[in-house]
Amino acid sequence: MAELLKHLCSSCGGPLIIDTDAQLYRCPYCGVTYDYAYFDEEDALSKGMTALRRGEFRTAAEVFDFILAKDPHDFLALRGRLLAKAKVTGVKELNKADVLLQIPYDKVRAEAELEAAAEEDKAYFTKLMTIFNLGEEYAQADKDEKDADLAKRRQASHYDAVAARRQESGIPIRSENGVTMMNPIVFAVIAWLVCAVCLVAALVSKDEELVTMAWGGVAVFGVSGLFGALSVRRERKYANQIEGLGGELEGADRKLSDIRDKKIELLKSVRKEYVELRRIDPELKSSFEK
């Protein structure tokens, strides 16, 4: 709400602008100037805090800048300007994980407030700076978590696709339950064993009909064994690929777990710093002591 900053010229009624160099209000319409003391500073601070609580961060920052132009060491104005830059409505919000994720950390640097603060207030702004630094690490860890989770999902999908192709590459076998896919290694072993039995039967049997059937079995199961043996190479390729993908998936899972643990520790650190901040914050100290 821009009207929070509007002071009107008593001569022409136009809105005044702030001349920070001359440290006074100036009317751009009739040229009349007003000293800062012409307006109540406590009223300006109240308007700035109201704008901050309402989430009108740009207005709040302008009000606090106005106050700091007169008194660069004003604690409440310094704190308010820093919170406005962080787009946070109050110090209590810094204890919330979702708020920490929304702060525009590239625009929040507490060095200016720390340098301008009075000596007795520097510990407070140092603590605030620590919270913002930890919050920035927390926000980055949250982004890393989302990226790692997406990467893990993609790897899992790739793993499942290769496993499905491996399953489909088996030897189709009819059974009472329909058609199932047999591992080509198992199929080749069975085929060669049956082929060997048929070969022995063909060589030792004296029954011509049985010998004929045995040689037929040798031919059929021999070819089947050869087909199965050729499929083994493909099976080993899939097995090696799945083993590699399984290792990558385990690595992705460990990475994601480590990032989540890091987020938990960072949030604990933020809340620990917040508790210490409450001990010295003029607004939160009374509730902390209770």
Protein backbone atom coordinates (compact mmCIF):
# COMPACT_ATOMS: atom_id res chain seq x y z
CA MET A 1 0.00 0.00 0.00
CA ALA A 2 1.84 3.04 -1.29
CA GLU A 3 -0.24 5.41 0.83
CA LEU A 4 1.69 4.31 3.89
CA LEU A 5 4.52 6.51 2.69
CA LYS A 6 2.46 9.41 1.42
CA HIS A 7 2.94 12.71 3.20
CA LEU A 8 1.05 15.54 1.55
CA CYS A 9 2.26 19.05 0.92
CA SER A 10 0.37 21.52 3.10
CA SER A 11 0.68 24.17 0.34
CA CYS A 12 -0.63 22.35 -2.74
CA GLY A 13 -1.73 18.94 -1.45
CA GLY A 14 0.68 17.02 -3.66
CA PRO A 15 2.50 13.90 -2.41
CA LEU A 16 5.98 14.64 -1.08
CA ILE A 17 9.15 12.83 -2.13
CA ILE A 18 12.21 12.11 0.02
CA ASP A 19 15.41 13.98 -0.74
CA THR A 20 17.93 11.76 1.06
CA ASP A 21 20.89 13.98 0.15
CA ALA A 22 19.35 17.06 1.74
CA GLN A 23 17.59 14.93 4.37
CA LEU A 24 14.19 16.49 3.93
CA TYR A 25 10.88 16.08 2.17
CA ARG A 26 10.38 17.95 -1.09
CA CYS A 27 7.22 18.73 -3.01
CA PRO A 28 7.87 18.11 -6.72
CA TYR A 29 4.91 20.32 -7.63
CA CYS A 30 5.43 23.59 -5.76
CA GLY A 31 8.98 23.12 -4.46
CA VAL A 32 8.18 23.49 -0.75
CA THR A 33 10.47 21.49 1.54
CA TYR A 34 9.86 19.99 4.96
CA ASP A 35 12.37 18.83 7.55
CA TYR A 36 12.21 15.16 8.58
CA ALA A 37 11.18 16.23 12.07
CA TYR A 38 8.04 17.75 10.55
CA PHE A 39 6.56 14.26 10.57
CA ASP A 40 6.43 11.86 13.49
CA GLU A 41 9.22 9.26 13.21
CA GLU A 42 7.41 6.83 15.49
CA ASP A 43 4.47 7.00 13.12
CA ALA A 44 6.80 6.11 10.22
CA LEU A 45 8.18 3.13 12.15
CA SER A 46 4.67 1.96 12.94
CA LYS A 47 3.73 2.22 9.26
CA GLY A 48 6.83 0.28 8.26
CA MET A 49 6.09 -2.53 10.70
CA THR A 50 2.46 -2.63 9.54
CA ALA A 51 3.56 -2.88 5.91
CA LEU A 52 5.99 -5.66 6.84
CA ARG A 53 3.33 -7.69 8.65
CA ARG A 54 1.00 -7.30 5.67
CA GLY A 55 3.65 -8.58 3.28
CA GLU A 56 4.03 -5.20 1.56
CA PHE A 57 7.78 -5.61 1.48
CA ARG A 58 8.65 -2.87 -1.00
CA THR A 59 6.69 -0.28 0.96
CA ALA A 60 8.19 -1.49 4.23
CA ALA A 61 11.73 -1.28 2.83
CA GLU A 62 11.15 2.30 1.67
CA VAL A 63 9.84 3.31 5.10
CA PHE A 64 12.79 1.74 6.87
CA ASP A 65 15.21 3.38 4.43
CA PHE A 66 13.60 6.71 5.26
CA ILE A 67 14.10 6.14 8.98
CA LEU A 68 17.69 4.99 8.48
CA ALA A 69 18.46 8.10 6.46
CA LYS A 70 17.95 10.02 9.69
CA ASP A 71 19.36 7.42 12.07
CA PRO A 72 21.59 4.79 10.37
CA HIS A 73 21.84 2.82 13.63
CA ASP A 74 18.13 2.43 14.36
CA PHE A 75 17.77 -1.21 15.46
CA LEU A 76 14.14 -1.75 14.50
CA ALA A 77 14.58 -0.09 11.11
CA LEU A 78 17.69 -2.15 10.35
CA ARG A 79 15.94 -5.34 11.36
CA GLY A 80 12.81 -4.39 9.45
CA ARG A 81 14.74 -3.57 6.27
CA LEU A 82 16.56 -6.90 6.43
CA LEU A 83 13.29 -8.81 6.90
CA ALA A 84 11.72 -6.86 4.04
CA LYS A 85 14.60 -7.82 1.74
CA ALA A 86 14.09 -11.44 2.80
CA LYS A 87 10.32 -11.11 2.17
CA VAL A 88 9.62 -12.34 5.71
CA THR A 89 6.80 -10.80 7.73
CA GLY A 90 8.46 -11.28 11.11
CA VAL A 91 11.37 -12.86 12.95
CA LYS A 92 9.13 -15.72 14.12
CA GLU A 93 8.80 -16.86 10.49
CA LEU A 94 12.50 -17.76 10.39
CA ASN A 95 11.70 -20.84 12.47
CA LYS A 96 9.58 -22.35 9.66
CA ALA A 97 11.05 -24.67 7.02
CA ASP A 98 8.67 -23.55 4.26
CA VAL A 99 9.58 -19.90 4.85
CA LEU A 100 13.29 -20.68 4.61
CA LEU A 101 12.69 -22.16 1.16
CA GLN A 102 10.99 -18.98 -0.13
CA ILE A 103 13.61 -16.40 0.88
CA PRO A 104 15.41 -14.72 -2.08
CA TYR A 105 18.88 -15.29 -0.65
CA ASP A 106 20.61 -13.60 -3.59
CA LYS A 107 19.04 -10.33 -2.42
CA VAL A 108 19.53 -10.88 1.30
CA ARG A 109 22.92 -9.88 2.62
CA ALA A 110 23.04 -8.86 6.27
CA GLU A 111 26.53 -7.33 6.04
CA ALA A 112 25.16 -3.80 5.53
CA GLU A 113 22.85 -4.06 8.57
CA LEU A 114 25.62 -5.62 10.65
CA GLU A 115 28.03 -2.83 9.77
CA ALA A 116 25.48 -0.08 10.46
CA ALA A 117 24.24 -1.60 13.72
CA ALA A 118 25.24 -0.08 17.03
CA GLU A 119 27.89 -2.02 18.91
CA GLU A 120 25.37 -3.49 21.36
CA ASP A 121 23.22 -4.75 18.42
CA LYS A 122 25.96 -6.41 16.38
CA ALA A 123 25.55 -9.78 18.14
CA TYR A 124 21.89 -9.79 17.11
CA PHE A 125 22.59 -9.13 13.43
CA THR A 126 25.44 -11.63 13.47
CA LYS A 127 22.93 -14.22 14.66
CA LEU A 128 20.47 -13.19 11.95
CA MET A 129 23.21 -13.48 9.33
CA THR A 130 23.99 -16.99 10.58
CA ILE A 131 20.33 -18.00 10.25
CA PHE A 132 20.16 -16.67 6.69
CA ASN A 133 23.37 -18.48 5.76
CA LEU A 134 22.06 -21.75 7.18
CA GLY A 135 18.71 -21.13 5.50
CA GLU A 136 20.44 -20.68 2.16
CA GLU A 137 22.24 -24.00 2.65
CA TYR A 138 18.90 -25.59 3.58
CA ALA A 139 17.23 -24.23 0.44
CA GLN A 140 20.10 -25.53 -1.71
CA ALA A 141 19.87 -28.94 -0.02
CA ASP A 142 16.14 -28.98 -0.75
CA LYS A 143 16.87 -28.32 -4.44
CA ASP A 144 19.56 -31.02 -4.40
CA GLU A 145 17.06 -33.42 -2.84
CA LYS A 146 14.52 -32.83 -5.61
CA ASP A 147 17.20 -33.26 -8.29
CA ALA A 148 18.52 -36.44 -6.65
CA ASP A 149 15.02 -37.87 -6.26
CA LEU A 150 14.27 -37.20 -9.93
CA ALA A 151 17.58 -38.81 -10.97
CA LYS A 152 16.82 -41.85 -8.81
CA ARG A 153 13.36 -42.21 -10.33
CA ARG A 154 14.84 -42.11 -13.83
CA GLN A 155 17.45 -44.71 -12.92
CA ALA A 156 14.78 -46.94 -11.37
CA SER A 157 12.69 -46.63 -14.52
CA HIS A 158 15.69 -47.55 -16.67
CA TYR A 159 16.45 -50.51 -14.39
CA ASP A 160 12.85 -51.77 -14.66
CA ALA A 161 12.89 -51.39 -18.45
CA VAL A 162 16.10 -53.42 -18.82
CA ALA A 163 14.78 -56.06 -16.39
CA ALA A 164 11.60 -56.32 -18.46
CA ARG A 165 13.60 -56.70 -21.69
CA ARG A 166 15.69 -59.39 -20.00
CA GLN A 167 12.54 -61.23 -18.98
CA GLU A 168 11.09 -60.94 -22.48
CA SER A 169 14.30 -62.29 -24.00
CA GLY A 170 13.80 -65.66 -22.32
CA ILE A 171 12.61 -68.87 -24.07
CA PRO A 172 8.79 -69.15 -24.25
CA ILE A 173 7.60 -72.40 -22.68
CA ARG A 174 4.00 -73.59 -22.69
CA SER A 175 2.62 -74.84 -19.39
CA GLU A 176 -0.71 -75.41 -17.69
CA ASN A 177 -0.71 -71.75 -16.65
CA GLY A 178 -0.08 -70.49 -20.18
CA VAL A 179 3.21 -69.35 -21.66
CA THR A 180 6.12 -68.58 -19.33
CA MET A 181 9.60 -67.29 -20.14
CA MET A 182 12.44 -69.66 -19.23
CA ASN A 183 15.95 -68.44 -18.61
CA PRO A 184 17.99 -69.32 -21.76
CA ILE A 185 20.80 -70.81 -19.64
CA VAL A 186 18.37 -73.23 -17.99
CA PHE A 187 16.78 -73.99 -21.35
CA ALA A 188 20.16 -74.72 -22.98
CA VAL A 189 21.25 -77.04 -20.15
CA ILE A 190 17.98 -79.00 -20.28
CA ALA A 191 18.11 -79.24 -24.07
CA TRP A 192 21.70 -80.52 -24.08
CA LEU A 193 20.93 -83.05 -21.36
CA VAL A 194 17.93 -84.41 -23.29
CA CYS A 195 20.05 -84.42 -26.46
CA ALA A 196 22.73 -86.45 -24.67
CA VAL A 197 20.14 -88.97 -23.44
CA CYS A 198 18.77 -89.33 -26.96
CA LEU A 199 22.27 -89.80 -28.35
CA VAL A 200 23.03 -92.58 -25.87
CA ALA A 201 19.72 -94.22 -26.66
CA ALA A 202 20.44 -94.05 -30.40
CA LEU A 203 23.85 -95.64 -29.96
CA VAL A 204 22.95 -98.45 -27.57
CA SER A 205 19.41 -99.34 -28.57
CA LYS A 206 18.81 -102.24 -30.95
CA ASP A 207 15.22 -101.27 -31.59
CA GLU A 208 15.24 -99.58 -35.00
CA GLU A 209 12.10 -97.57 -34.27
CA LEU A 210 13.52 -96.37 -30.97
CA VAL A 211 16.84 -95.56 -32.64
CA THR A 212 15.04 -93.49 -35.28
CA MET A 213 13.15 -91.61 -32.58
CA ALA A 214 16.35 -91.12 -30.59
CA TRP A 215 18.20 -89.63 -33.54
CA GLY A 216 15.24 -87.36 -34.14
CA GLY A 217 15.48 -86.28 -30.50
CA VAL A 218 19.20 -85.63 -30.94
CA ALA A 219 18.47 -83.39 -33.91
CA VAL A 220 15.63 -81.47 -32.24
CA PHE A 221 17.22 -81.00 -28.84
CA GLY A 222 20.62 -80.39 -30.32
CA VAL A 223 19.27 -77.46 -32.32
CA SER A 224 17.32 -76.28 -29.27
CA GLY A 225 20.46 -76.46 -27.16
CA LEU A 226 22.36 -74.46 -29.78
CA PHE A 227 19.59 -71.83 -29.80
CA GLY A 228 19.69 -71.67 -26.02
CA ALA A 229 23.48 -71.36 -26.03
CA LEU A 230 23.27 -68.42 -28.43
CA SER A 231 20.71 -66.80 -26.13
CA VAL A 232 23.04 -67.14 -23.15
CA ARG A 233 25.28 -64.38 -24.54
CA ARG A 234 22.33 -62.00 -24.64
CA GLU A 235 21.32 -63.09 -21.14
CA ARG A 236 24.78 -62.32 -19.80
CA LYS A 237 24.68 -58.90 -21.45
CA TYR A 238 21.40 -58.09 -19.69
CA ALA A 239 22.70 -59.54 -16.41
CA ASN A 240 25.80 -57.34 -16.50
CA GLN A 241 23.73 -54.29 -17.44
CA ILE A 242 21.28 -54.92 -14.62
CA GLU A 243 24.11 -55.42 -12.15
CA GLY A 244 25.62 -52.07 -13.16
CA LEU A 245 22.28 -50.30 -13.01
CA GLY A 246 21.59 -51.87 -9.63
CA GLY A 247 24.85 -50.44 -8.29
CA GLU A 248 24.00 -47.00 -9.69
CA LEU A 249 20.54 -47.20 -8.14
CA GLU A 250 22.00 -48.03 -4.74
CA GLY A 251 24.41 -45.10 -5.10
CA ALA A 252 21.54 -42.77 -6.00
CA ASP A 253 19.58 -44.00 -2.99
CA ARG A 254 22.54 -43.36 -0.66
CA LYS A 255 23.03 -39.90 -2.14
CA LEU A 256 19.36 -39.04 -1.61
CA SER A 257 19.49 -40.34 1.95
CA ASP A 258 22.61 -38.27 2.69
CA ILE A 259 20.96 -35.11 1.34
CA ARG A 260 17.87 -35.69 3.46
CA ASP A 261 20.02 -36.21 6.54
CA LYS A 262 21.83 -32.96 5.71
CA LYS A 263 18.51 -31.12 5.45
CA ILE A 264 17.46 -32.40 8.87
CA GLU A 265 20.73 -31.27 10.44
CA LEU A 266 20.58 -27.85 8.78
CA LEU A 267 17.03 -27.29 10.00
CA LYS A 268 18.10 -28.28 13.51
CA SER A 269 20.93 -25.74 13.31
CA VAL A 270 18.55 -23.01 12.13
CA ARG A 271 16.18 -23.68 15.00
CA LYS A 272 19.03 -23.75 17.49
CA GLU A 273 20.17 -20.33 16.26
CA TYR A 274 16.56 -19.12 16.37
CA VAL A 275 16.24 -20.13 20.04
CA GLU A 276 19.37 -18.14 20.81
CA LEU A 277 18.02 -15.21 18.80
CA ARG A 278 14.84 -15.20 20.88
CA ARG A 279 16.93 -14.57 23.98
CA ILE A 280 18.10 -11.19 22.64
CA ASP A 281 15.22 -10.13 20.38
CA PRO A 282 13.26 -7.30 22.05
CA GLU A 283 9.92 -8.63 20.80
CA LEU A 284 10.52 -12.35 21.35
CA LYS A 285 12.52 -12.20 24.57
CA SER A 286 9.49 -11.74 26.82
CA SER A 287 7.67 -14.75 25.38
CA PHE A 288 10.86 -16.81 25.63
CA GLU A 289 11.32 -15.94 29.29
CA LYS A 290 7.75 -16.99 30.02
